[in-house]
Amino acid sequence: MRLYLRPEWLIDGTCAPARTRQTVVIEGQHIQAVGPSNEILPCESGVVVDLPGVTVIPGLINNHVHLELPGDNTPFTTLQTESDSELALRAAYNARESLRAGVTTVRDCGGRGATVVDMRNAQAKGHIPGPRIFATAWPITITGGHGRYFGGEADGAYALTRLVRRIVSCGADFVKVFASGGGTPGSLSQYPSFSAAELRAIVETAHGLGRPVAAHCTATQSISNAIEAGVDLIEHALFVAPDGISRYDPCVGERLAESGIPVITTMQVARDLVDLGMEVPEHDRWQRMLQSDREIKTRLKELGVRLIAGSDAGWRATSFATFWKELAELVEIGMSPIEAVHAATGAGASVLGLDRQCGTIRPGLVADLVLVSGNLSEDILRLAHVEGVFQAGAPIYLSAGLCTRVCRPGGLRPFPASPS
């Protein structure tokens, strides 16, 4: 059975302009055809769904999440008191929340042990609903460092090499290292955690086992170390100086641009804390950090650094249901809505090596699609109004109006009820 979707606007995830009067044909789990509606004639057994006032985009890719974390501003230290079962159940809930928001692929940047790897396997087998998962297992940190509650503490090249091998042997898709401190109490976000030589040992070991390396970098020096070590992705890139103030360093910025290493933006973290309405001076502190982060990412964008959308969902107050805020921040720094969507679809798939599987709307790719109310190419905030989500050709969530049109008798099979 074929499904013919006829949206008013189509954004294909390649950074091409939005198109009108297009039809997307879904057959089984894949996109069978895409083209002008007057050139695609439905077959007799097909289901045609006209979508006036709706934009269709590829399924979103959130390139930085922590599925085991709550995203409700609960202190990170509470992780110590929770069992693996509690964390796994929370991860399953957060995965479903992501999917309802149009996120069909996530890159999980750290949990306890191999629990998220196990969840990835369960999702791939269809045992639990959720987005496609890229998982790192436990991230690497120094003794007493940021993220130590996940269990990945190691010091020195020998111990780091052993830990990378353990992470890969448990089935991790990539290796994540905290190249600087962060928000964990007792760690220092303004200083690097590992030397360039130690990071190089991680990179060489991971690459030798066919795994890319992502480096959490808040400190400016940690960015330099990560570039020198040859990591594949840099998370955050906050340019925090030893005095604790975040300020752009043009020399490091130019080196980053020359390296070709993409940066995962995670600007939503500061925005969510500003939106939380905390008391002064905490509110003012996060407002300054948000403004500084916007200025830094603007400079990196101007230099041609590839900026990939990732929200850090689960950390601090960042929800899994509001990925649209990260894209809104990309527009705030000068991207068009089309470019912001690309950062969370086609570009996001490319850095994961999934561009032949998902991330764009073209024949042969998996039918991961999001239906949004309004013209998304003119207003990125329309992404907050998701009308429908398809994952591998199946309707995972549909608004009441779309449900009556898509899942009519003789049409598609029933879909899971949306989470409350």
Protein backbone atom coordinates (compact mmCIF):
# COMPACT_ATOMS: atom_id res chain seq x y z
CA MET A 1 0.00 0.00 0.00
CA ARG A 2 1.31 3.42 -0.96
CA LEU A 3 0.71 6.67 0.90
CA TYR A 4 0.75 9.94 -1.03
CA LEU A 5 1.41 13.01 1.12
CA ARG A 6 0.68 16.36 -0.52
CA PRO A 7 1.90 19.14 1.78
CA GLU A 8 1.64 22.83 1.00
CA TRP A 9 5.40 23.19 1.55
CA LEU A 10 8.25 20.68 1.38
CA ILE A 11 11.70 21.24 2.95
CA ASP A 12 13.90 18.33 1.89
CA GLY A 13 16.80 18.74 4.36
CA THR A 14 19.44 19.56 1.72
CA CYS A 15 19.37 23.34 2.29
CA ALA A 16 17.41 23.77 -0.95
CA PRO A 17 14.54 26.29 -0.87
CA ALA A 18 11.10 25.11 0.20
CA ARG A 19 9.01 23.69 -2.65
CA THR A 20 5.26 23.79 -3.19
CA ARG A 21 2.83 21.45 -4.95
CA GLN A 22 4.96 18.40 -4.17
CA THR A 23 4.00 14.80 -3.41
CA VAL A 24 5.95 12.41 -1.18
CA VAL A 25 5.22 8.75 -1.85
CA ILE A 26 5.77 6.28 1.01
CA GLU A 27 5.84 2.57 0.35
CA GLY A 28 6.71 0.27 3.23
CA GLN A 29 9.51 1.82 5.28
CA HIS A 30 10.95 3.97 2.52
CA ILE A 31 10.33 7.00 0.35
CA GLN A 32 9.37 5.66 -3.06
CA ALA A 33 9.18 8.97 -4.94
CA VAL A 34 9.23 12.75 -4.50
CA GLY A 35 8.16 15.22 -7.16
CA PRO A 36 5.61 17.68 -8.51
CA SER A 37 2.07 16.59 -7.72
CA ASN A 38 0.97 16.92 -11.34
CA GLU A 39 3.59 14.36 -12.35
CA ILE A 40 2.86 11.71 -9.69
CA LEU A 41 -0.39 9.83 -10.33
CA PRO A 42 -1.68 7.79 -7.35
CA CYS A 43 -2.34 4.10 -7.86
CA GLU A 44 -5.85 2.78 -7.22
CA SER A 45 -4.98 1.20 -3.89
CA GLY A 46 -3.04 4.23 -2.64
CA VAL A 47 -4.08 6.60 0.12
CA VAL A 48 -3.86 10.28 -0.86
CA VAL A 49 -3.58 12.82 1.96
CA ASP A 50 -3.81 16.52 1.08
CA LEU A 51 -2.06 18.68 3.69
CA PRO A 52 -3.01 22.32 3.19
CA GLY A 53 -1.19 24.67 5.57
CA VAL A 54 1.37 21.99 6.46
CA THR A 55 5.15 21.79 5.93
CA VAL A 56 6.80 18.37 5.60
CA ILE A 57 10.47 18.02 6.63
CA PRO A 58 12.76 15.03 7.27
CA GLY A 59 12.76 13.49 10.72
CA LEU A 60 14.88 15.64 13.01
CA ILE A 61 18.27 14.53 14.34
CA ASN A 62 19.27 15.73 17.81
CA ASN A 63 23.04 15.30 17.84
CA HIS A 64 23.56 15.73 21.58
CA VAL A 65 21.30 14.21 24.23
CA HIS A 66 21.60 12.34 27.52
CA LEU A 67 18.62 10.00 27.58
CA GLU A 68 19.21 8.96 31.19
CA LEU A 69 19.05 12.50 32.58
CA PRO A 70 15.73 14.17 33.54
CA GLY A 71 16.07 17.61 31.93
CA ASP A 72 14.12 19.21 34.79
CA ASN A 73 17.02 21.00 36.53
CA THR A 74 17.44 18.20 39.06
CA PRO A 75 21.02 18.29 40.46
CA PHE A 76 23.34 15.95 38.57
CA THR A 77 24.55 14.47 41.86
CA THR A 78 21.23 12.59 42.31
CA LEU A 79 22.42 10.20 39.59
CA GLN A 80 24.48 8.46 42.27
CA THR A 81 21.38 7.24 44.11
CA GLU A 82 19.52 5.84 41.08
CA SER A 83 19.73 2.26 39.88
CA ASP A 84 20.46 1.19 36.32
CA SER A 85 16.81 0.15 36.01
CA GLU A 86 15.58 3.61 37.00
CA LEU A 87 17.92 5.21 34.46
CA ALA A 88 16.84 2.83 31.70
CA LEU A 89 13.14 3.52 32.36
CA ARG A 90 13.75 7.26 32.27
CA ALA A 91 15.71 6.87 29.05
CA ALA A 92 12.79 5.00 27.48
CA TYR A 93 10.39 7.78 28.51
CA ASN A 94 12.70 10.48 27.16
CA ALA A 95 13.12 8.61 23.89
CA ARG A 96 9.37 8.57 23.40
CA GLU A 97 9.13 12.28 24.22
CA SER A 98 11.78 12.97 21.58
CA LEU A 99 9.90 11.01 18.95
CA ARG A 100 6.65 12.84 19.66
CA ALA A 101 8.52 16.12 19.08
CA GLY A 102 9.67 15.00 15.62
CA VAL A 103 13.13 13.73 16.58
CA THR A 104 13.62 10.40 14.82
CA THR A 105 17.36 10.04 15.50
CA VAL A 106 19.40 10.94 18.60
CA ARG A 107 23.08 10.75 19.45
CA ASP A 108 23.35 9.90 23.13
CA CYS A 109 26.49 11.49 24.54
CA GLY A 110 26.81 9.58 27.76
CA GLY A 111 25.05 7.42 30.30
CA ARG A 112 26.01 4.94 32.96
CA GLY A 113 27.83 1.92 31.61
CA ALA A 114 26.20 0.22 28.64
CA THR A 115 22.57 0.92 29.60
CA VAL A 116 21.90 3.22 26.63
CA VAL A 117 23.65 0.79 24.29
CA ASP A 118 21.23 -1.90 25.51
CA MET A 119 18.33 0.49 24.93
CA ARG A 120 19.61 1.20 21.41
CA ASN A 121 19.50 -2.51 20.69
CA ALA A 122 16.00 -2.83 22.12
CA GLN A 123 14.75 0.08 20.01
CA ALA A 124 16.32 -1.38 16.87
CA LYS A 125 14.46 -4.65 17.54
CA GLY A 126 11.16 -2.80 17.94
CA HIS A 127 10.80 -3.62 21.63
CA ILE A 128 10.41 0.02 22.69
CA PRO A 129 9.24 3.14 20.83
CA GLY A 130 11.82 5.81 20.28
CA PRO A 131 14.16 7.44 17.83
CA ARG A 132 17.11 5.68 16.22
CA ILE A 133 19.93 5.83 18.79
CA PHE A 134 23.66 6.42 18.39
CA ALA A 135 25.22 5.64 21.76
CA THR A 136 28.61 6.11 23.38
CA ALA A 137 28.08 4.13 26.61
CA TRP A 138 29.95 5.87 29.45
CA PRO A 139 31.95 9.00 28.54
CA ILE A 140 35.61 9.32 29.48
CA THR A 141 36.66 11.78 32.17
CA ILE A 142 39.57 12.34 34.57
CA THR A 143 39.34 11.10 38.13
CA GLY A 144 36.92 13.46 39.86
CA GLY A 145 36.07 15.16 36.57
CA HIS A 146 32.90 16.29 34.85
CA GLY A 147 30.46 13.44 34.35
CA ARG A 148 32.26 11.16 36.80
CA TYR A 149 28.92 9.75 38.00
CA PHE A 150 28.61 7.92 34.68
CA GLY A 151 31.61 5.77 35.70
CA GLY A 152 34.19 6.51 33.00
CA GLU A 153 37.13 7.85 35.05
CA ALA A 154 40.62 7.19 33.69
CA ASP A 155 44.03 8.91 33.83
CA GLY A 156 47.09 8.56 31.61
CA ALA A 157 47.50 7.11 28.13
CA TYR A 158 47.56 3.46 29.21
CA ALA A 159 44.34 3.65 31.25
CA LEU A 160 42.65 5.71 28.55
CA THR A 161 43.53 3.19 25.88
CA ARG A 162 42.10 0.35 27.98
CA LEU A 163 38.89 2.29 28.63
CA VAL A 164 38.39 3.07 24.95
CA ARG A 165 38.71 -0.63 24.19
CA ARG A 166 36.12 -1.47 26.86
CA ILE A 167 33.72 1.12 25.47
CA VAL A 168 34.06 -0.18 21.94
CA SER A 169 33.79 -3.81 23.05
CA CYS A 170 30.40 -3.14 24.67
CA GLY A 171 29.09 -1.98 21.30
CA ALA A 172 29.36 1.82 21.46
CA ASP A 173 28.89 3.67 18.17
CA PHE A 174 31.40 6.38 19.09
CA VAL A 175 33.70 7.46 21.92
CA LYS A 176 32.96 10.57 23.97
CA VAL A 177 35.56 12.33 26.09
CA PHE A 178 35.20 15.24 28.48
CA ALA A 179 38.20 17.25 27.28
CA SER A 180 37.44 19.90 29.90
CA GLY A 181 35.47 20.24 33.08
CA GLY A 182 31.79 21.16 33.05
CA GLY A 183 28.77 21.55 35.28
CA THR A 184 29.49 18.63 37.61
CA PRO A 185 30.30 20.01 41.07
CA GLY A 186 34.03 19.95 41.68
CA SER A 187 35.05 20.03 38.02
CA LEU A 188 36.58 23.05 36.31
CA SER A 189 34.99 24.14 33.04
CA GLN A 190 37.71 26.75 32.38
CA TYR A 191 40.57 24.22 32.27
CA PRO A 192 41.34 21.25 30.03
CA SER A 193 40.98 17.82 31.61
CA PHE A 194 43.36 15.99 29.30
CA SER A 195 46.49 17.02 27.46
CA ALA A 196 46.65 16.88 23.68
CA ALA A 197 48.83 13.77 23.98
CA GLU A 198 46.23 12.00 26.15
CA LEU A 199 43.45 12.95 23.75
CA ARG A 200 45.59 11.67 20.88
CA ALA A 201 45.87 8.29 22.62
CA ILE A 202 42.06 8.17 22.80
CA VAL A 203 41.66 9.19 19.17
CA GLU A 204 44.26 6.76 17.82
CA THR A 205 42.80 3.86 19.78
CA ALA A 206 39.20 4.64 18.80
CA HIS A 207 40.05 5.23 15.15
CA GLY A 208 42.00 1.99 15.11
CA LEU A 209 38.79 0.26 16.17
CA GLY A 210 36.64 2.10 13.63
CA ARG A 211 34.98 4.55 16.03
CA PRO A 212 34.86 8.36 15.81
CA VAL A 213 35.63 10.54 18.83
CA ALA A 214 33.57 13.44 20.16
CA ALA A 215 35.11 15.87 22.65
CA HIS A 216 33.21 17.98 25.18
CA CYS A 217 35.04 21.32 25.12
CA THR A 218 34.10 24.26 27.31
CA ALA A 219 37.61 25.60 28.00
CA THR A 220 39.38 27.38 25.15
CA GLN A 221 42.52 25.31 25.71
CA SER A 222 40.49 22.11 25.48
CA ILE A 223 39.36 23.15 21.99
CA SER A 224 43.00 23.60 20.96
CA ASN A 225 43.92 20.22 22.45
CA ALA A 226 41.03 18.51 20.68
CA ILE A 227 42.00 20.04 17.33
CA GLU A 228 45.61 18.93 17.79
CA ALA A 229 44.50 15.40 18.72
CA GLY A 230 42.31 15.08 15.63
CA VAL A 231 38.89 14.47 17.19
CA ASP A 232 35.91 14.08 14.87
CA LEU A 233 33.36 16.29 16.64
CA ILE A 234 33.52 19.09 19.21
CA GLU A 235 30.66 19.57 21.63
CA HIS A 236 29.72 23.06 22.91
CA ALA A 237 32.87 25.07 22.00
CA LEU A 238 32.22 27.66 24.69
CA PHE A 239 35.69 29.30 24.70
CA VAL A 240 35.86 29.66 28.50
CA ALA A 241 39.13 31.32 29.55
CA PRO A 242 41.07 30.48 32.77
CA ASP A 243 39.37 33.44 34.47
CA GLY A 244 36.02 31.68 33.98
CA ILE A 245 34.70 34.14 31.40
CA SER A 246 33.54 32.91 28.01
CA ARG A 247 35.11 34.99 25.25
CA TYR A 248 35.90 34.19 21.63
CA ASP A 249 39.57 33.57 20.74
CA PRO A 250 40.09 34.37 17.04
CA CYS A 251 43.27 32.29 16.73
CA VAL A 252 41.57 29.17 18.09
CA GLY A 253 38.49 29.91 16.01
CA GLU A 254 40.53 30.05 12.82
CA ARG A 255 42.30 26.80 13.71
CA LEU A 256 38.93 25.19 14.28
CA ALA A 257 37.67 26.37 10.90
CA GLU A 258 40.81 25.11 9.16
CA SER A 259 40.50 21.71 10.84
CA GLY A 260 37.07 21.06 9.34
CA ILE A 261 35.83 19.61 12.65
CA PRO A 262 32.06 20.19 13.07
CA VAL A 263 30.72 21.77 16.26
CA ILE A 264 27.57 20.61 18.03
CA THR A 265 25.91 23.84 19.12
CA THR A 266 23.94 23.10 22.39
CA MET A 267 22.83 26.73 22.79
CA GLN A 268 19.48 25.65 24.16
CA VAL A 269 20.94 24.88 27.59
CA ALA A 270 21.52 28.53 28.47
CA ARG A 271 18.26 29.59 26.83
CA ASP A 272 16.26 27.10 28.90
CA LEU A 273 17.84 28.34 32.11
CA VAL A 274 17.04 31.93 31.16
CA ASP A 275 13.47 30.89 30.35
CA LEU A 276 13.22 29.17 33.74
CA GLY A 277 13.04 32.60 35.38
CA MET A 278 15.56 32.03 38.15
CA GLU A 279 16.34 34.63 40.75
CA VAL A 280 18.99 37.30 40.15
CA PRO A 281 22.01 36.94 40.00
CA GLU A 282 21.65 33.39 38.60
CA HIS A 283 19.31 34.59 35.84
CA ASP A 284 21.74 37.34 34.85
CA ARG A 285 24.63 34.86 34.78
CA TRP A 286 22.84 32.58 32.31
CA GLN A 287 21.68 35.53 30.23
CA ARG A 288 25.32 36.59 29.85
CA MET A 289 26.32 33.04 28.95
CA LEU A 290 23.57 32.81 26.34
CA GLN A 291 24.61 36.09 24.75
CA SER A 292 28.28 35.05 24.76
CA ASP A 293 27.43 31.67 23.22
CA ARG A 294 25.41 33.37 20.48
CA GLU A 295 28.33 35.67 19.68
CA ILE A 296 30.80 32.76 19.57
CA LYS A 297 28.61 30.62 17.33
CA THR A 298 28.02 33.61 15.05
CA ARG A 299 31.79 34.04 14.64
CA LEU A 300 32.24 30.33 13.96
CA LYS A 301 29.44 30.39 11.41
CA GLU A 302 31.09 33.33 9.63
CA LEU A 303 34.36 31.36 9.48
CA GLY A 304 32.58 28.44 7.82
CA VAL A 305 32.65 26.01 10.75
CA ARG A 306 29.95 23.37 10.28
CA LEU A 307 27.40 23.92 13.04
CA ILE A 308 25.28 20.85 13.81
CA ALA A 309 22.12 21.01 15.91
CA GLY A 310 22.22 19.29 19.28
CA SER A 311 20.39 20.51 22.37
CA ASP A 312 22.05 18.60 25.27
CA ALA A 313 18.56 17.38 26.22
CA GLY A 314 18.46 15.87 29.69
CA TRP A 315 21.17 18.17 31.05
CA ARG A 316 20.09 20.90 33.45
CA ALA A 317 16.62 22.17 32.38
CA THR A 318 16.64 21.10 28.72
CA SER A 319 13.65 18.97 27.78
CA PHE A 320 13.45 16.30 25.10
CA ALA A 321 10.17 17.79 23.86
CA THR A 322 11.53 21.22 22.89
CA PHE A 323 14.26 20.64 20.30
CA TRP A 324 12.69 23.46 18.29
CA LYS A 325 14.38 25.89 20.69
CA GLU A 326 17.84 24.80 19.51
CA LEU A 327 16.85 25.51 15.92
CA ALA A 328 15.43 28.86 17.00
CA GLU A 329 18.85 29.69 18.47
CA LEU A 330 20.48 28.83 15.14
CA VAL A 331 18.18 31.32 13.47
CA GLU A 332 19.11 33.83 16.18
CA ILE A 333 22.78 33.64 15.08
CA GLY A 334 21.97 34.29 11.44
CA MET A 335 20.87 31.02 9.87
CA SER A 336 17.72 30.99 7.79
CA PRO A 337 14.99 28.55 8.90
CA ILE A 338 15.98 26.36 5.93
CA GLU A 339 19.62 26.31 7.11
CA ALA A 340 18.57 25.55 10.68
CA VAL A 341 16.47 22.60 9.50
CA HIS A 342 19.46 21.39 7.47
CA ALA A 343 21.63 21.51 10.62
CA ALA A 344 19.14 19.15 12.27
CA THR A 345 18.50 16.87 9.28
CA GLY A 346 20.82 16.48 6.28
CA ALA A 347 23.92 17.88 8.00
CA GLY A 348 23.16 15.94 11.17
CA ALA A 349 22.87 12.69 9.22
CA SER A 350 26.14 13.40 7.42
CA VAL A 351 28.25 13.67 10.59
CA LEU A 352 26.79 10.36 11.77
CA GLY A 353 27.44 8.63 8.46
CA LEU A 354 23.70 8.15 7.96
CA ASP A 355 23.20 10.33 4.90
CA ARG A 356 22.44 7.29 2.72
CA GLN A 357 19.78 6.20 5.17
CA CYS A 358 17.99 9.27 6.49
CA GLY A 359 18.21 13.05 6.95
CA THR A 360 16.76 14.14 3.61
CA ILE A 361 13.58 13.52 1.65
CA ARG A 362 14.58 11.61 -1.45
CA PRO A 363 13.74 8.25 -3.01
CA GLY A 364 15.29 5.21 -1.38
CA LEU A 365 15.79 6.73 2.05
CA VAL A 366 13.90 5.71 5.17
CA ALA A 367 10.56 7.53 5.44
CA ASP A 368 11.26 9.52 8.62
CA LEU A 369 9.08 12.60 8.21
CA VAL A 370 7.70 15.41 10.36
CA LEU A 371 4.52 17.36 9.56
CA VAL A 372 4.47 20.92 10.90
CA SER A 373 1.61 23.42 10.97
CA GLY A 374 2.38 26.54 8.92
CA ASN A 375 5.20 27.65 6.62
CA LEU A 376 8.36 26.60 8.44
CA SER A 377 10.60 28.24 5.84
CA GLU A 378 9.34 31.63 7.03
CA ASP A 379 9.07 31.00 10.77
CA ILE A 380 11.21 28.45 12.62
CA LEU A 381 8.88 28.70 15.62
CA ARG A 382 6.31 26.72 13.62
CA LEU A 383 8.41 23.69 14.58
CA ALA A 384 6.83 23.91 18.02
CA HIS A 385 3.55 22.83 16.37
CA VAL A 386 4.14 19.28 15.20
CA GLU A 387 1.08 17.79 13.50
CA GLY A 388 2.49 14.39 12.68
CA VAL A 389 5.55 12.14 12.87
CA PHE A 390 6.36 9.20 10.60
CA GLN A 391 9.14 6.79 11.49
CA ALA A 392 10.21 4.29 8.84
CA GLY A 393 6.93 4.85 7.04
CA ALA A 394 4.70 4.27 10.07
CA PRO A 395 2.62 7.09 11.62
CA ILE A 396 3.92 7.40 15.19
CA TYR A 397 1.94 10.50 16.08
CA LEU A 398 -0.83 12.32 14.24
CA SER A 399 -3.01 15.20 15.35
CA ALA A 400 -6.74 14.49 15.58
CA GLY A 401 -7.42 16.10 12.21
CA LEU A 402 -4.71 14.19 10.39
CA CYS A 403 -5.63 10.93 12.05
CA THR A 404 -9.06 10.87 10.40
CA ARG A 405 -7.47 11.48 6.99
CA VAL A 406 -4.46 9.19 7.18
CA CYS A 407 -5.67 6.22 9.23
CA ARG A 408 -9.03 5.74 7.56
CA PRO A 409 -10.49 2.26 6.92
CA GLY A 410 -8.37 0.44 4.40
CA GLY A 411 -5.52 2.86 4.95
CA LEU A 412 -2.55 2.66 7.27
CA ARG A 413 -2.36 0.33 10.25
CA PRO A 414 -3.17 1.75 13.70
CA PHE A 415 -0.41 3.74 15.36
CA PRO A 416 0.61 3.96 19.04
CA ALA A 417 -1.24 6.53 21.11
CA SER A 418 0.77 9.69 21.63
CA PRO A 419 2.23 10.22 25.11
CA SER A 420 0.45 12.64 27.36
